[in-house]
Amino acid sequence: MNQPLNTPPPRRPTDANPAPHVPGANSTPSIRCPAAAAKDPTPCEGPQDAATIIDRHGRESAGCVHHCARLLAGLEGARVHPFVPAPQALDIYSRARELPPFAWEIGR
């Protein structure tokens, strides 16, 4: 790159999908991972590309561990991508096992 070192980094477009405002939370909305459902009000946990979920049709969705677990709980025949590190994959599977499908609809 032929940019001076004092050039600020590029900014993300403003049309990105911000998280809904949660009362008592930080006033600046953050960008949520692609695995987060639109109606799920819970914030991301950790990196937004920590894992990838594959549905039974082969479609992939990357996201944080928290939202990948919630997505896995609601998709029949879904699995964690085989290249996800074992500790993260086990965390996702154990979290998903404890959740009902679409947990945000019943307040979990």
Protein backbone atom coordinates (compact mmCIF):
# COMPACT_ATOMS: atom_id res chain seq x y z
CA MET A 1 0.00 0.00 0.00
CA ASN A 2 1.28 3.40 -0.87
CA GLN A 3 -0.33 5.34 1.96
CA PRO A 4 1.43 7.52 4.49
CA LEU A 5 1.74 6.00 7.94
CA ASN A 6 -0.40 8.70 9.52
CA THR A 7 -3.44 7.91 7.32
CA PRO A 8 -6.39 6.68 9.40
CA PRO A 9 -7.60 3.15 8.68
CA PRO A 10 -10.57 2.78 6.32
CA ARG A 11 -13.99 2.87 7.95
CA ARG A 12 -16.76 0.33 7.52
CA PRO A 13 -19.80 1.46 5.55
CA THR A 14 -22.51 3.05 7.64
CA ASP A 15 -25.15 0.68 6.26
CA ALA A 16 -23.72 -2.20 8.31
CA ASN A 17 -26.20 -4.08 10.50
CA PRO A 18 -25.92 -2.56 14.00
CA ALA A 19 -27.14 -4.32 17.10
CA PRO A 20 -30.39 -3.16 18.61
CA HIS A 21 -30.08 -0.78 21.54
CA VAL A 22 -30.31 -2.55 24.87
CA PRO A 23 -31.24 -0.29 27.79
CA GLY A 24 -28.32 0.11 30.18
CA ALA A 25 -25.81 -1.03 27.57
CA ASN A 26 -23.14 1.06 25.91
CA SER A 27 -24.80 3.87 23.93
CA THR A 28 -22.82 3.16 20.76
CA PRO A 29 -24.28 0.26 18.76
CA SER A 30 -21.84 -2.44 17.77
CA ILE A 31 -21.81 -4.54 14.64
CA ARG A 32 -23.03 -8.08 15.27
CA CYS A 33 -21.70 -11.29 13.79
CA PRO A 34 -23.47 -12.84 10.77
CA ALA A 35 -24.66 -15.81 12.86
CA ALA A 36 -26.78 -13.55 15.10
CA ALA A 37 -30.49 -13.70 14.31
CA ALA A 38 -32.13 -10.34 13.66
CA LYS A 39 -34.54 -10.77 16.61
CA ASP A 40 -31.91 -12.11 19.02
CA PRO A 41 -31.06 -9.23 21.41
CA THR A 42 -28.00 -10.86 23.02
CA PRO A 43 -24.55 -9.37 22.34
CA CYS A 44 -21.70 -11.23 20.69
CA GLU A 45 -19.12 -13.00 22.85
CA GLY A 46 -15.55 -12.90 21.63
CA PRO A 47 -14.36 -12.64 18.04
CA GLN A 48 -17.10 -12.39 15.42
CA ASP A 49 -15.42 -15.00 13.25
CA ALA A 50 -14.56 -17.54 15.96
CA ALA A 51 -16.47 -20.41 14.36
CA THR A 52 -18.50 -21.44 11.33
CA ILE A 53 -21.77 -23.38 11.31
CA ILE A 54 -22.72 -25.47 8.26
CA ASP A 55 -26.38 -26.29 7.71
CA ARG A 56 -27.54 -29.56 6.13
CA HIS A 57 -27.60 -27.91 2.69
CA GLY A 58 -23.93 -26.87 2.94
CA ARG A 59 -24.50 -23.16 3.58
CA GLU A 60 -22.01 -21.64 6.00
CA SER A 61 -22.42 -18.89 8.56
CA ALA A 62 -19.49 -17.52 10.56
CA GLY A 63 -19.97 -15.92 13.95
CA CYS A 64 -19.03 -15.67 17.58
CA VAL A 65 -19.22 -18.74 19.83
CA HIS A 66 -22.40 -17.51 21.54
CA HIS A 67 -24.43 -16.93 18.36
CA CYS A 68 -23.05 -20.04 16.65
CA ALA A 69 -24.37 -22.11 19.57
CA ARG A 70 -27.76 -20.42 19.34
CA LEU A 71 -27.84 -20.99 15.58
CA LEU A 72 -26.80 -24.63 15.96
CA ALA A 73 -29.60 -25.21 18.49
CA GLY A 74 -32.19 -24.05 15.97
CA LEU A 75 -30.95 -25.81 12.82
CA GLU A 76 -31.70 -29.47 12.26
CA GLY A 77 -28.78 -31.31 10.73
CA ALA A 78 -26.31 -28.44 11.25
CA ARG A 79 -22.74 -28.93 12.43
CA VAL A 80 -19.65 -26.96 13.36
CA HIS A 81 -17.10 -26.59 10.55
CA PRO A 82 -14.33 -29.20 10.93
CA PHE A 83 -11.54 -26.59 10.93
CA VAL A 84 -12.84 -24.82 14.04
CA PRO A 85 -10.42 -25.45 16.95
CA ALA A 86 -11.62 -28.26 19.22
CA PRO A 87 -12.09 -26.14 22.39
CA GLN A 88 -14.36 -23.69 20.55
CA ALA A 89 -16.29 -26.48 18.80
CA LEU A 90 -16.88 -28.28 22.11
CA ASP A 91 -18.01 -25.04 23.72
CA ILE A 92 -20.50 -24.46 20.89
CA TYR A 93 -21.88 -28.01 21.03
CA SER A 94 -22.26 -27.94 24.83
CA ARG A 95 -23.97 -24.55 24.79
CA ALA A 96 -26.31 -25.60 21.96
CA ARG A 97 -27.27 -28.77 23.82
CA GLU A 98 -28.59 -26.66 26.71
CA LEU A 99 -30.64 -24.30 24.51
CA PRO A 100 -34.06 -24.72 22.94
CA PRO A 101 -34.44 -23.68 19.29
CA PHE A 102 -34.92 -19.92 18.94
CA ALA A 103 -34.07 -19.33 22.61
CA TRP A 104 -34.51 -15.55 22.33
CA GLU A 105 -38.25 -16.04 21.71
CA ILE A 106 -38.73 -17.40 25.23
CA GLY A 107 -36.31 -15.02 26.92
CA ARG A 108 -33.21 -17.20 27.16
